[in-house]
Amino acid sequence: MVTEANRLTTYKGWPITAGNCTKEKMSSCGFYQCNDDSGDDCVRCFCCFKELDGWQESDDPWDEHKRNNNCYFANLGKPEATLTVREWLIVMEERQVNYVNKVYQHINDLEQKDLKDLGLDKE
């Protein structure tokens, strides 16, 4: 989902066809549609992996993405076609760091659940 073109292909049955949150604008802002049980308008950032839903036509995807978030791509605030090579390389580096952190958190959550199931948790 790194490229805008690939992100755009994920929008199947996207409910918003006008305003700020069209599938084209969402893709440009770094989002791809989750296409899971989260709902028809659930999207995830390719860089920070933040998930958002509950979109309205008047929402600004860039503003919503930046809110309570530290996403390098969102903070640049511009589509990938306008990024410099240096900016794109930093985006890719940040994406890898975010991915490793997300996987680590998932593994840690599973281990904590296993410990609790075995009665070995600290509570």
PDB file of N, CA and C in Angstrom:
ATOM      1  N   MET A   1       0.805  -1.204   0.000  1.00  0.00           N
ATOM      2  CA  MET A   1       0.000   0.000   0.000  1.00  0.00           C
ATOM      3  C   MET A   1       0.849   1.269   0.000  1.00  0.00           C
ATOM      4  N   VAL A   2       2.093   1.105  -0.343  1.00  0.00           N
ATOM      5  CA  VAL A   2       3.016   2.227  -0.303  1.00  0.00           C
ATOM      6  C   VAL A   2       2.663   3.288  -1.348  1.00  0.00           C
ATOM      7  N   THR A   3       2.246   2.874  -2.524  1.00  0.00           N
ATOM      8  CA  THR A   3       1.965   3.866  -3.565  1.00  0.00           C
ATOM      9  C   THR A   3       0.500   4.287  -3.556  1.00  0.00           C
ATOM     10  N   GLU A   4       0.292   5.524  -3.969  1.00  0.00           N
ATOM     11  CA  GLU A   4      -1.064   6.066  -4.035  1.00  0.00           C
ATOM     12  C   GLU A   4      -1.937   5.236  -4.974  1.00  0.00           C
ATOM     13  N   ALA A   5      -1.375   4.792  -6.087  1.00  0.00           N
ATOM     14  CA  ALA A   5      -2.135   3.985  -7.049  1.00  0.00           C
ATOM     15  C   ALA A   5      -2.620   2.685  -6.411  1.00  0.00           C
ATOM     16  N   ASN A   6      -1.772   2.025  -5.642  1.00  0.00           N
ATOM     17  CA  ASN A   6      -2.180   0.791  -4.965  1.00  0.00           C
ATOM     18  C   ASN A   6      -3.226   1.061  -3.895  1.00  0.00           C
ATOM     19  N   ARG A   7      -3.068   2.145  -3.153  1.00  0.00           N
ATOM     20  CA  ARG A   7      -4.054   2.481  -2.121  1.00  0.00           C
ATOM     21  C   ARG A   7      -5.425   2.701  -2.743  1.00  0.00           C
ATOM     22  N   LEU A   8      -5.453   3.359  -3.882  1.00  0.00           N
ATOM     23  CA  LEU A   8      -6.719   3.661  -4.547  1.00  0.00           C
ATOM     24  C   LEU A   8      -7.483   2.390  -4.908  1.00  0.00           C
ATOM     25  N   THR A   9      -6.786   1.324  -5.253  1.00  0.00           N
ATOM     26  CA  THR A   9      -7.458   0.078  -5.650  1.00  0.00           C
ATOM     27  C   THR A   9      -8.186  -0.602  -4.499  1.00  0.00           C
ATOM     28  N   THR A  10      -7.914  -0.214  -3.266  1.00  0.00           N
ATOM     29  CA  THR A  10      -8.543  -0.870  -2.110  1.00  0.00           C
ATOM     30  C   THR A  10      -9.946  -0.360  -1.828  1.00  0.00           C
ATOM     31  N   TYR A  11     -10.316   0.754  -2.415  1.00  0.00           N
ATOM     32  CA  TYR A  11     -11.604   1.382  -2.107  1.00  0.00           C
ATOM     33  C   TYR A  11     -12.728   0.713  -2.886  1.00  0.00           C
ATOM     34  N   LYS A  12     -13.293  -0.315  -2.294  1.00  0.00           N
ATOM     35  CA  LYS A  12     -14.421  -1.047  -2.868  1.00  0.00           C
ATOM     36  C   LYS A  12     -15.676  -0.654  -2.097  1.00  0.00           C
ATOM     37  N   GLY A  13     -16.628  -0.064  -2.771  1.00  0.00           N
ATOM     38  CA  GLY A  13     -17.856   0.341  -2.104  1.00  0.00           C
ATOM     39  C   GLY A  13     -17.666   1.512  -1.163  1.00  0.00           C
ATOM     40  N   TRP A  14     -16.696   2.367  -1.441  1.00  0.00           N
ATOM     41  CA  TRP A  14     -16.447   3.534  -0.594  1.00  0.00           C
ATOM     42  C   TRP A  14     -17.700   4.402  -0.583  1.00  0.00           C
ATOM     43  N   PRO A  15     -18.218   4.734   0.612  1.00  0.00           N
ATOM     44  CA  PRO A  15     -19.517   5.406   0.696  1.00  0.00           C
ATOM     45  C   PRO A  15     -19.520   6.894   0.341  1.00  0.00           C
ATOM     46  N   ILE A  16     -18.368   7.538   0.261  1.00  0.00           N
ATOM     47  CA  ILE A  16     -18.328   8.987   0.035  1.00  0.00           C
ATOM     48  C   ILE A  16     -17.825   9.264  -1.379  1.00  0.00           C
ATOM     49  N   THR A  17     -18.664   9.928  -2.173  1.00  0.00           N
ATOM     50  CA  THR A  17     -18.307  10.187  -3.568  1.00  0.00           C
ATOM     51  C   THR A  17     -18.126  11.670  -3.881  1.00  0.00           C
ATOM     52  N   ALA A  18     -18.331  12.530  -2.892  1.00  0.00           N
ATOM     53  CA  ALA A  18     -18.175  13.972  -3.098  1.00  0.00           C
ATOM     54  C   ALA A  18     -17.545  14.582  -1.849  1.00  0.00           C
ATOM     55  N   GLY A  19     -17.100  15.818  -1.970  1.00  0.00           N
ATOM     56  CA  GLY A  19     -16.518  16.499  -0.821  1.00  0.00           C
ATOM     57  C   GLY A  19     -15.045  16.192  -0.658  1.00  0.00           C
ATOM     58  N   ASN A  20     -14.569  16.314   0.571  1.00  0.00           N
ATOM     59  CA  ASN A  20     -13.144  16.152   0.870  1.00  0.00           C
ATOM     60  C   ASN A  20     -12.689  14.708   0.980  1.00  0.00           C
ATOM     61  N   CYS A  21     -13.614  13.778   1.135  1.00  0.00           N
ATOM     62  CA  CYS A  21     -13.225  12.403   1.473  1.00  0.00           C
ATOM     63  C   CYS A  21     -13.511  11.398   0.368  1.00  0.00           C
ATOM     64  N   THR A  22     -13.334  11.808  -0.869  1.00  0.00           N
ATOM     65  CA  THR A  22     -13.458  10.845  -1.954  1.00  0.00           C
ATOM     66  C   THR A  22     -12.308   9.848  -1.858  1.00  0.00           C
ATOM     67  N   LYS A  23     -12.460   8.718  -2.517  1.00  0.00           N
ATOM     68  CA  LYS A  23     -11.401   7.707  -2.454  1.00  0.00           C
ATOM     69  C   LYS A  23     -10.086   8.238  -3.027  1.00  0.00           C
ATOM     70  N   GLU A  24     -10.163   9.112  -4.015  1.00  0.00           N
ATOM     71  CA  GLU A  24      -8.947   9.689  -4.590  1.00  0.00           C
ATOM     72  C   GLU A  24      -8.226  10.574  -3.577  1.00  0.00           C
ATOM     73  N   LYS A  25      -8.988  11.392  -2.867  1.00  0.00           N
ATOM     74  CA  LYS A  25      -8.375  12.280  -1.874  1.00  0.00           C
ATOM     75  C   LYS A  25      -7.850  11.493  -0.678  1.00  0.00           C
ATOM     76  N   MET A  26      -8.589  10.462  -0.275  1.00  0.00           N
ATOM     77  CA  MET A  26      -8.138   9.637   0.847  1.00  0.00           C
ATOM     78  C   MET A  26      -6.824   8.935   0.494  1.00  0.00           C
ATOM     79  N   SER A  27      -6.740   8.413  -0.725  1.00  0.00           N
ATOM     80  CA  SER A  27      -5.512   7.751  -1.177  1.00  0.00           C
ATOM     81  C   SER A  27      -4.344   8.723  -1.201  1.00  0.00           C
ATOM     82  N   SER A  28      -4.614   9.932  -1.656  1.00  0.00           N
ATOM     83  CA  SER A  28      -3.577  10.958  -1.720  1.00  0.00           C
ATOM     84  C   SER A  28      -3.049  11.309  -0.334  1.00  0.00           C
ATOM     85  N   CYS A  29      -3.916  11.207   0.673  1.00  0.00           N
ATOM     86  CA  CYS A  29      -3.532  11.526   2.056  1.00  0.00           C
ATOM     87  C   CYS A  29      -2.858  10.354   2.765  1.00  0.00           C
ATOM     88  N   GLY A  30      -2.630   9.261   2.041  1.00  0.00           N
ATOM     89  CA  GLY A  30      -1.901   8.133   2.613  1.00  0.00           C
ATOM     90  C   GLY A  30      -2.761   6.990   3.104  1.00  0.00           C
ATOM     91  N   PHE A  31      -4.070   7.078   2.910  1.00  0.00           N
ATOM     92  CA  PHE A  31      -4.971   6.060   3.444  1.00  0.00           C
ATOM     93  C   PHE A  31      -5.341   5.004   2.410  1.00  0.00           C
ATOM     94  N   TYR A  32      -5.535   3.790   2.897  1.00  0.00           N
ATOM     95  CA  TYR A  32      -6.158   2.740   2.100  1.00  0.00           C
ATOM     96  C   TYR A  32      -7.311   2.177   2.911  1.00  0.00           C
ATOM     97  N   GLN A  33      -8.316   1.644   2.223  1.00  0.00           N
ATOM     98  CA  GLN A  33      -9.496   1.120   2.904  1.00  0.00           C
ATOM     99  C   GLN A  33      -9.153  -0.212   3.553  1.00  0.00           C
ATOM    100  N   CYS A  34      -9.574  -0.369   4.809  1.00  0.00           N
ATOM    101  CA  CYS A  34      -9.235  -1.575   5.571  1.00  0.00           C
ATOM    102  C   CYS A  34      -9.911  -2.820   5.020  1.00  0.00           C
ATOM    103  N   ASN A  35     -11.136  -2.692   4.528  1.00  0.00           N
ATOM    104  CA  ASN A  35     -11.876  -3.827   3.977  1.00  0.00           C
ATOM    105  C   ASN A  35     -11.944  -5.004   4.944  1.00  0.00           C
ATOM    106  N   ASP A  36     -12.242  -4.696   6.188  1.00  0.00           N
ATOM    107  CA  ASP A  36     -12.436  -5.746   7.179  1.00  0.00           C
ATOM    108  C   ASP A  36     -13.763  -5.486   7.880  1.00  0.00           C
ATOM    109  N   ASP A  37     -13.938  -6.012   9.053  1.00  0.00           N
ATOM    110  CA  ASP A  37     -15.201  -5.861   9.770  1.00  0.00           C
ATOM    111  C   ASP A  37     -15.323  -4.532  10.503  1.00  0.00           C
ATOM    112  N   SER A  38     -14.376  -3.627  10.304  1.00  0.00           N
ATOM    113  CA  SER A  38     -14.387  -2.351  11.016  1.00  0.00           C
ATOM    114  C   SER A  38     -15.446  -1.394  10.494  1.00  0.00           C
ATOM    115  N   GLY A  39     -15.949  -1.625   9.318  1.00  0.00           N
ATOM    116  CA  GLY A  39     -16.941  -0.740   8.716  1.00  0.00           C
ATOM    117  C   GLY A  39     -16.509  -0.316   7.335  1.00  0.00           C
ATOM    118  N   ASP A  40     -17.481   0.153   6.554  1.00  0.00           N
ATOM    119  CA  ASP A  40     -17.219   0.514   5.163  1.00  0.00           C
ATOM    120  C   ASP A  40     -16.262   1.681   5.006  1.00  0.00           C
ATOM    121  N   ASP A  41     -16.187   2.556   6.022  1.00  0.00           N
ATOM    122  CA  ASP A  41     -15.347   3.739   5.853  1.00  0.00           C
ATOM    123  C   ASP A  41     -14.102   3.715   6.740  1.00  0.00           C
ATOM    124  N   CYS A  42     -13.665   2.533   7.125  1.00  0.00           N
ATOM    125  CA  CYS A  42     -12.442   2.408   7.921  1.00  0.00           C
ATOM    126  C   CYS A  42     -11.232   2.450   6.987  1.00  0.00           C
ATOM    127  N   VAL A  43     -10.293   3.335   7.315  1.00  0.00           N
ATOM    128  CA  VAL A  43      -9.070   3.456   6.529  1.00  0.00           C
ATOM    129  C   VAL A  43      -7.857   3.343   7.445  1.00  0.00           C
ATOM    130  N   ARG A  44      -6.718   3.008   6.842  1.00  0.00           N
ATOM    131  CA  ARG A  44      -5.462   2.873   7.584  1.00  0.00           C
ATOM    132  C   ARG A  44      -4.373   3.614   6.804  1.00  0.00           C
ATOM    133  N   CYS A  45      -3.490   4.266   7.528  1.00  0.00           N
ATOM    134  CA  CYS A  45      -2.366   4.962   6.898  1.00  0.00           C
ATOM    135  C   CYS A  45      -1.269   3.957   6.550  1.00  0.00           C
ATOM    136  N   PHE A  46      -0.713   4.100   5.357  1.00  0.00           N
ATOM    137  CA  PHE A  46       0.357   3.201   4.937  1.00  0.00           C
ATOM    138  C   PHE A  46       1.653   3.443   5.706  1.00  0.00           C
ATOM    139  N   CYS A  47       1.794   4.606   6.324  1.00  0.00           N
ATOM    140  CA  CYS A  47       3.048   4.964   6.996  1.00  0.00           C
ATOM    141  C   CYS A  47       2.991   4.727   8.503  1.00  0.00           C
ATOM    142  N   CYS A  48       1.963   5.255   9.160  1.00  0.00           N
ATOM    143  CA  CYS A  48       1.888   5.133  10.624  1.00  0.00           C
ATOM    144  C   CYS A  48       0.927   4.030  11.069  1.00  0.00           C
ATOM    145  N   PHE A  49       0.128   3.498  10.141  1.00  0.00           N
ATOM    146  CA  PHE A  49      -0.824   2.415  10.380  1.00  0.00           C
ATOM    147  C   PHE A  49      -1.991   2.824  11.275  1.00  0.00           C
ATOM    148  N   LYS A  50      -2.179   4.127  11.455  1.00  0.00           N
ATOM    149  CA  LYS A  50      -3.320   4.623  12.221  1.00  0.00           C
ATOM    150  C   LYS A  50      -4.598   4.298  11.457  1.00  0.00           C
ATOM    151  N   GLU A  51      -5.630   3.839  12.190  1.00  0.00           N
ATOM    152  CA  GLU A  51      -6.926   3.547  11.588  1.00  0.00           C
ATOM    153  C   GLU A  51      -7.942   4.591  12.013  1.00  0.00           C
ATOM    154  N   LEU A  52      -8.747   5.019  11.052  1.00  0.00           N
ATOM    155  CA  LEU A  52      -9.790   6.009  11.302  1.00  0.00           C
ATOM    156  C   LEU A  52     -11.060   5.596  10.575  1.00  0.00           C
ATOM    157  N   ASP A  53     -12.199   5.922  11.183  1.00  0.00           N
ATOM    158  CA  ASP A  53     -13.482   5.693  10.518  1.00  0.00           C
ATOM    159  C   ASP A  53     -14.451   6.793  10.926  1.00  0.00           C
ATOM    160  N   GLY A  54     -15.692   6.684  10.478  1.00  0.00           N
ATOM    161  CA  GLY A  54     -16.685   7.696  10.795  1.00  0.00           C
ATOM    162  C   GLY A  54     -16.528   8.955   9.956  1.00  0.00           C
ATOM    163  N   TRP A  55     -16.096   8.809   8.729  1.00  0.00           N
ATOM    164  CA  TRP A  55     -15.825   9.947   7.856  1.00  0.00           C
ATOM    165  C   TRP A  55     -17.103  10.628   7.390  1.00  0.00           C
ATOM    166  N   GLN A  56     -17.024  11.951   7.231  1.00  0.00           N
ATOM    167  CA  GLN A  56     -18.095  12.749   6.643  1.00  0.00           C
ATOM    168  C   GLN A  56     -17.500  13.540   5.487  1.00  0.00           C
ATOM    169  N   GLU A  57     -18.352  13.912   4.522  1.00  0.00           N
ATOM    170  CA  GLU A  57     -17.867  14.625   3.336  1.00  0.00           C
ATOM    171  C   GLU A  57     -17.059  15.868   3.676  1.00  0.00           C
ATOM    172  N   SER A  58     -17.413  16.526   4.767  1.00  0.00           N
ATOM    173  CA  SER A  58     -16.761  17.793   5.121  1.00  0.00           C
ATOM    174  C   SER A  58     -15.449  17.617   5.893  1.00  0.00           C
ATOM    175  N   ASP A  59     -15.132  16.403   6.326  1.00  0.00           N
ATOM    176  CA  ASP A  59     -13.878  16.168   7.050  1.00  0.00           C
ATOM    177  C   ASP A  59     -12.686  16.447   6.136  1.00  0.00           C
ATOM    178  N   ASP A  60     -11.606  16.907   6.724  1.00  0.00           N
ATOM    179  CA  ASP A  60     -10.358  17.101   5.989  1.00  0.00           C
ATOM    180  C   ASP A  60      -9.428  15.946   6.357  1.00  0.00           C
ATOM    181  N   PRO A  61      -9.158  15.029   5.414  1.00  0.00           N
ATOM    182  CA  PRO A  61      -8.334  13.858   5.731  1.00  0.00           C
ATOM    183  C   PRO A  61      -6.954  14.204   6.282  1.00  0.00           C
ATOM    184  N   TRP A  62      -6.322  15.263   5.752  1.00  0.00           N
ATOM    185  CA  TRP A  62      -5.010  15.646   6.273  1.00  0.00           C
ATOM    186  C   TRP A  62      -5.117  16.065   7.734  1.00  0.00           C
ATOM    187  N   ASP A  63      -6.121  16.895   8.056  1.00  0.00           N
ATOM    188  CA  ASP A  63      -6.287  17.355   9.439  1.00  0.00           C
ATOM    189  C   ASP A  63      -6.602  16.202  10.378  1.00  0.00           C
ATOM    190  N   GLU A  64      -7.503  15.314   9.956  1.00  0.00           N
ATOM    191  CA  GLU A  64      -7.865  14.170  10.799  1.00  0.00           C
ATOM    192  C   GLU A  64      -6.661  13.264  11.019  1.00  0.00           C
ATOM    193  N   HIS A  65      -5.856  13.095   9.994  1.00  0.00           N
ATOM    194  CA  HIS A  65      -4.673  12.241  10.075  1.00  0.00           C
ATOM    195  C   HIS A  65      -3.655  12.801  11.067  1.00  0.00           C
ATOM    196  N   LYS A  66      -3.489  14.110  11.057  1.00  0.00           N
ATOM    197  CA  LYS A  66      -2.501  14.753  11.929  1.00  0.00           C
ATOM    198  C   LYS A  66      -2.939  14.813  13.389  1.00  0.00           C
ATOM    199  N   ARG A  67      -4.233  14.749  13.635  1.00  0.00           N
ATOM    200  CA  ARG A  67      -4.754  14.895  14.996  1.00  0.00           C
ATOM    201  C   ARG A  67      -4.262  13.751  15.886  1.00  0.00           C
ATOM    202  N   ASN A  68      -3.654  14.111  17.004  1.00  0.00           N
ATOM    203  CA  ASN A  68      -3.150  13.130  17.984  1.00  0.00           C
ATOM    204  C   ASN A  68      -2.286  12.059  17.333  1.00  0.00           C
ATOM    205  N   ASN A  69      -1.441  12.465  16.416  1.00  0.00           N
ATOM    206  CA  ASN A  69      -0.647  11.489  15.692  1.00  0.00           C
ATOM    207  C   ASN A  69       0.720  12.086  15.376  1.00  0.00           C
ATOM    208  N   ASN A  70       1.676  11.220  15.206  1.00  0.00           N
ATOM    209  CA  ASN A  70       3.027  11.663  14.894  1.00  0.00           C
ATOM    210  C   ASN A  70       3.490  11.000  13.599  1.00  0.00           C
ATOM    211  N   CYS A  71       2.665  11.102  12.562  1.00  0.00           N
ATOM    212  CA  CYS A  71       2.967  10.471  11.280  1.00  0.00           C
ATOM    213  C   CYS A  71       3.805  11.417  10.421  1.00  0.00           C
ATOM    214  N   TYR A  72       4.962  10.951  10.036  1.00  0.00           N
ATOM    215  CA  TYR A  72       5.847  11.786   9.221  1.00  0.00           C
ATOM    216  C   TYR A  72       5.180  12.161   7.901  1.00  0.00           C
ATOM    217  N   PHE A  73       4.550  11.199   7.234  1.00  0.00           N
ATOM    218  CA  PHE A  73       3.892  11.476   5.954  1.00  0.00           C
ATOM    219  C   PHE A  73       2.779  12.507   6.118  1.00  0.00           C
ATOM    220  N   ALA A  74       1.937  12.337   7.127  1.00  0.00           N
ATOM    221  CA  ALA A  74       0.838  13.280   7.350  1.00  0.00           C
ATOM    222  C   ALA A  74       1.368  14.664   7.679  1.00  0.00           C
ATOM    223  N   ASN A  75       2.410  14.731   8.463  1.00  0.00           N
ATOM    224  CA  ASN A  75       2.960  16.029   8.840  1.00  0.00           C
ATOM    225  C   ASN A  75       3.613  16.757   7.665  1.00  0.00           C
ATOM    226  N   LEU A  76       4.059  16.006   6.659  1.00  0.00           N
ATOM    227  CA  LEU A  76       4.533  16.664   5.443  1.00  0.00           C
ATOM    228  C   LEU A  76       3.371  17.367   4.751  1.00  0.00           C
ATOM    229  N   GLY A  77       2.196  16.731   4.782  1.00  0.00           N
ATOM    230  CA  GLY A  77       0.981  17.342   4.255  1.00  0.00           C
ATOM    231  C   GLY A  77       0.929  17.518   2.755  1.00  0.00           C
ATOM    232  N   LYS A  78       1.603  16.631   2.031  1.00  0.00           N
ATOM    233  CA  LYS A  78       1.552  16.742   0.577  1.00  0.00           C
ATOM    234  C   LYS A  78       1.559  15.359  -0.062  1.00  0.00           C
ATOM    235  N   PRO A  79       0.943  15.240  -1.227  1.00  0.00           N
ATOM    236  CA  PRO A  79       0.867  13.943  -1.906  1.00  0.00           C
ATOM    237  C   PRO A  79       2.247  13.411  -2.281  1.00  0.00           C
ATOM    238  N   GLU A  80       2.324  12.101  -2.456  1.00  0.00           N
ATOM    239  CA  GLU A  80       3.617  11.471  -2.735  1.00  0.00           C
ATOM    240  C   GLU A  80       4.268  11.990  -4.010  1.00  0.00           C
ATOM    241  N   ALA A  81       3.495  12.373  -5.003  1.00  0.00           N
ATOM    242  CA  ALA A  81       4.058  12.843  -6.273  1.00  0.00           C
ATOM    243  C   ALA A  81       4.878  14.118  -6.107  1.00  0.00           C
ATOM    244  N   THR A  82       4.664  14.836  -5.021  1.00  0.00           N
ATOM    245  CA  THR A  82       5.387  16.096  -4.808  1.00  0.00           C
ATOM    246  C   THR A  82       6.539  15.963  -3.811  1.00  0.00           C
ATOM    247  N   LEU A  83       6.748  14.760  -3.286  1.00  0.00           N
ATOM    248  CA  LEU A  83       7.826  14.560  -2.318  1.00  0.00           C
ATOM    249  C   LEU A  83       9.184  14.535  -3.012  1.00  0.00           C
ATOM    250  N   THR A  84      10.176  15.038  -2.312  1.00  0.00           N
ATOM    251  CA  THR A  84      11.547  14.905  -2.804  1.00  0.00           C
ATOM    252  C   THR A  84      12.013  13.481  -2.517  1.00  0.00           C
ATOM    253  N   VAL A  85      13.098  13.082  -3.138  1.00  0.00           N
ATOM    254  CA  VAL A  85      13.657  11.753  -2.875  1.00  0.00           C
ATOM    255  C   VAL A  85      14.010  11.628  -1.402  1.00  0.00           C
ATOM    256  N   ARG A  86      14.595  12.647  -0.841  1.00  0.00           N
ATOM    257  CA  ARG A  86      14.963  12.623   0.583  1.00  0.00           C
ATOM    258  C   ARG A  86      13.728  12.434   1.461  1.00  0.00           C
ATOM    259  N   GLU A  87      12.666  13.194   1.190  1.00  0.00           N
ATOM    260  CA  GLU A  87      11.432  13.059   1.978  1.00  0.00           C
ATOM    261  C   GLU A  87      10.857  11.655   1.850  1.00  0.00           C
ATOM    262  N   TRP A  88      10.853  11.112   0.622  1.00  0.00           N
ATOM    263  CA  TRP A  88      10.297   9.776   0.406  1.00  0.00           C
ATOM    264  C   TRP A  88      11.103   8.724   1.167  1.00  0.00           C
ATOM    265  N   LEU A  89      12.417   8.849   1.172  1.00  0.00           N
ATOM    266  CA  LEU A  89      13.245   7.892   1.905  1.00  0.00           C
ATOM    267  C   LEU A  89      12.980   7.963   3.407  1.00  0.00           C
ATOM    268  N   ILE A  90      12.765   9.154   3.922  1.00  0.00           N
ATOM    269  CA  ILE A  90      12.438   9.288   5.347  1.00  0.00           C
ATOM    270  C   ILE A  90      11.063   8.685   5.630  1.00  0.00           C
ATOM    271  N   VAL A  91      10.104   8.904   4.728  1.00  0.00           N
ATOM    272  CA  VAL A  91       8.779   8.290   4.885  1.00  0.00           C
ATOM    273  C   VAL A  91       8.924   6.775   4.969  1.00  0.00           C
ATOM    274  N   MET A  92       9.718   6.189   4.081  1.00  0.00           N
ATOM    275  CA  MET A  92       9.894   4.735   4.068  1.00  0.00           C
ATOM    276  C   MET A  92      10.597   4.245   5.334  1.00  0.00           C
ATOM    277  N   GLU A  93      11.560   5.003   5.816  1.00  0.00           N
ATOM    278  CA  GLU A  93      12.238   4.645   7.066  1.00  0.00           C
ATOM    279  C   GLU A  93      11.257   4.687   8.236  1.00  0.00           C
ATOM    280  N   GLU A  94      10.472   5.746   8.312  1.00  0.00           N
ATOM    281  CA  GLU A  94       9.479   5.874   9.385  1.00  0.00           C
ATOM    282  C   GLU A  94       8.446   4.758   9.298  1.00  0.00           C
ATOM    283  N   ARG A  95       8.050   4.407   8.085  1.00  0.00           N
ATOM    284  CA  ARG A  95       7.086   3.323   7.896  1.00  0.00           C
ATOM    285  C   ARG A  95       7.629   2.012   8.470  1.00  0.00           C
ATOM    286  N   GLN A  96       8.888   1.719   8.194  1.00  0.00           N
ATOM    287  CA  GLN A  96       9.487   0.482   8.706  1.00  0.00           C
ATOM    288  C   GLN A  96       9.536   0.478  10.232  1.00  0.00           C
ATOM    289  N   VAL A  97       9.910   1.595  10.822  1.00  0.00           N
ATOM    290  CA  VAL A  97       9.943   1.702  12.285  1.00  0.00           C
ATOM    291  C   VAL A  97       8.540   1.495  12.850  1.00  0.00           C
ATOM    292  N   ASN A  98       7.550   2.140  12.250  1.00  0.00           N
ATOM    293  CA  ASN A  98       6.170   1.999  12.717  1.00  0.00           C
ATOM    294  C   ASN A  98       5.675   0.567  12.577  1.00  0.00           C
ATOM    295  N   TYR A  99       6.055  -0.097  11.485  1.00  0.00           N
ATOM    296  CA  TYR A  99       5.637  -1.478  11.270  1.00  0.00           C
ATOM    297  C   TYR A  99       6.238  -2.402  12.332  1.00  0.00           C
ATOM    298  N   VAL A 100       7.519  -2.253  12.586  1.00  0.00           N
ATOM    299  CA  VAL A 100       8.171  -3.079  13.611  1.00  0.00           C
ATOM    300  C   VAL A 100       7.520  -2.843  14.970  1.00  0.00           C
ATOM    301  N   ASN A 101       7.249  -1.593  15.304  1.00  0.00           N
ATOM    302  CA  ASN A 101       6.592  -1.286  16.584  1.00  0.00           C
ATOM    303  C   ASN A 101       5.206  -1.903  16.661  1.00  0.00           C
ATOM    304  N   LYS A 102       4.462  -1.873  15.556  1.00  0.00           N
ATOM    305  CA  LYS A 102       3.116  -2.453  15.538  1.00  0.00           C
ATOM    306  C   LYS A 102       3.179  -3.971  15.729  1.00  0.00           C
ATOM    307  N   VAL A 103       4.101  -4.623  15.039  1.00  0.00           N
ATOM    308  CA  VAL A 103       4.258  -6.074  15.182  1.00  0.00           C
ATOM    309  C   VAL A 103       4.694  -6.418  16.601  1.00  0.00           C
ATOM    310  N   TYR A 104       5.638  -5.666  17.146  1.00  0.00           N
ATOM    311  CA  TYR A 104       6.090  -5.899  18.517  1.00  0.00           C
ATOM    312  C   TYR A 104       4.927  -5.766  19.491  1.00  0.00           C
ATOM    313  N   GLN A 105       4.113  -4.734  19.329  1.00  0.00           N
ATOM    314  CA  GLN A 105       2.977  -4.530  20.229  1.00  0.00           C
ATOM    315  C   GLN A 105       1.989  -5.687  20.125  1.00  0.00           C
ATOM    316  N   HIS A 106       1.756  -6.174  18.913  1.00  0.00           N
ATOM    317  CA  HIS A 106       0.842  -7.302  18.717  1.00  0.00           C
ATOM    318  C   HIS A 106       1.382  -8.560  19.410  1.00  0.00           C
ATOM    319  N   ILE A 107       2.658  -8.832  19.243  1.00  0.00           N
ATOM    320  CA  ILE A 107       3.271  -9.997  19.894  1.00  0.00           C
ATOM    321  C   ILE A 107       3.206  -9.854  21.407  1.00  0.00           C
ATOM    322  N   ASN A 108       3.494  -8.678  21.913  1.00  0.00           N
ATOM    323  CA  ASN A 108       3.431  -8.434  23.351  1.00  0.00           C
ATOM    324  C   ASN A 108       2.010  -8.643  23.875  1.00  0.00           C
ATOM    325  N   ASP A 109       1.018  -8.158  23.144  1.00  0.00           N
ATOM    326  CA  ASP A 109      -0.381  -8.347  23.548  1.00  0.00           C
ATOM    327  C   ASP A 109      -0.741  -9.832  23.609  1.00  0.00           C
ATOM    328  N   LEU A 110      -0.279 -10.599  22.615  1.00  0.00           N
ATOM    329  CA  LEU A 110      -0.544 -12.041  22.612  1.00  0.00           C
ATOM    330  C   LEU A 110       0.129 -12.732  23.793  1.00  0.00           C
ATOM    331  N   GLU A 111       1.361 -12.337  24.095  1.00  0.00           N
ATOM    332  CA  GLU A 111       2.066 -12.928  25.233  1.00  0.00           C
ATOM    333  C   GLU A 111       1.362 -12.602  26.545  1.00  0.00           C
ATOM    334  N   GLN A 112       0.899 -11.379  26.689  1.00  0.00           N
ATOM    335  CA  GLN A 112       0.183 -10.991  27.908  1.00  0.00           C
ATOM    336  C   GLN A 112      -1.103 -11.791  28.058  1.00  0.00           C
ATOM    337  N   LYS A 113      -1.792 -12.024  26.943  1.00  0.00           N
ATOM    338  CA  LYS A 113      -3.012 -12.832  26.984  1.00  0.00           C
ATOM    339  C   LYS A 113      -2.681 -14.263  27.401  1.00  0.00           C
ATOM    340  N   ASP A 114      -1.610 -14.826  26.831  1.00  0.00           N
ATOM    341  CA  ASP A 114      -1.199 -16.181  27.195  1.00  0.00           C
ATOM    342  C   ASP A 114      -0.855 -16.273  28.680  1.00  0.00           C
ATOM    343  N   LEU A 115      -0.118 -15.299  29.185  1.00  0.00           N
ATOM    344  CA  LEU A 115       0.229 -15.293  30.608  1.00  0.00           C
ATOM    345  C   LEU A 115      -1.018 -15.233  31.476  1.00  0.00           C
ATOM    346  N   LYS A 116      -1.968 -14.415  31.082  1.00  0.00           N
ATOM    347  CA  LYS A 116      -3.213 -14.309  31.840  1.00  0.00           C
ATOM    348  C   LYS A 116      -3.979 -15.629  31.792  1.00  0.00           C
ATOM    349  N   ASP A 117      -4.066 -16.228  30.597  1.00  0.00           N
ATOM    350  CA  ASP A 117      -4.766 -17.509  30.450  1.00  0.00           C
ATOM    351  C   ASP A 117      -4.127 -18.607  31.293  1.00  0.00           C
ATOM    352  N   LEU A 118      -2.819 -18.534  31.488  1.00  0.00           N
ATOM    353  CA  LEU A 118      -2.099 -19.532  32.283  1.00  0.00           C
ATOM    354  C   LEU A 118      -2.053 -19.182  33.768  1.00  0.00           C
ATOM    355  N   GLY A 119      -2.635 -18.040  34.105  1.00  0.00           N
ATOM    356  CA  GLY A 119      -2.636 -17.610  35.501  1.00  0.00           C
ATOM    357  C   GLY A 119      -1.293 -17.091  35.964  1.00  0.00           C
ATOM    358  N   LEU A 120      -0.453 -16.688  35.031  1.00  0.00           N
ATOM    359  CA  LEU A 120       0.887 -16.224  35.371  1.00  0.00           C
ATOM    360  C   LEU A 120       1.044 -14.716  35.238  1.00  0.00           C
ATOM    361  N   ASP A 121      -0.066 -14.020  35.055  1.00  0.00           N
ATOM    362  CA  ASP A 121       0.030 -12.564  34.927  1.00  0.00           C
ATOM    363  C   ASP A 121       0.312 -11.948  36.286  1.00  0.00           C
ATOM    364  N   LYS A 122       0.695 -10.696  36.289  1.00  0.00           N
ATOM    365  CA  LYS A 122       1.121 -10.026  37.517  1.00  0.00           C
ATOM    366  C   LYS A 122      -0.035  -9.475  38.328  1.00  0.00           C
ATOM    367  N   GLU A 123      -1.244  -9.618  37.854  1.00  0.00           N
ATOM    368  CA  GLU A 123      -2.400  -9.073  38.583  1.00  0.00           C
ATOM    369  C   GLU A 123      -2.809  -9.961  39.724  1.00  0.00           C
TER     370      GLU A 123
END
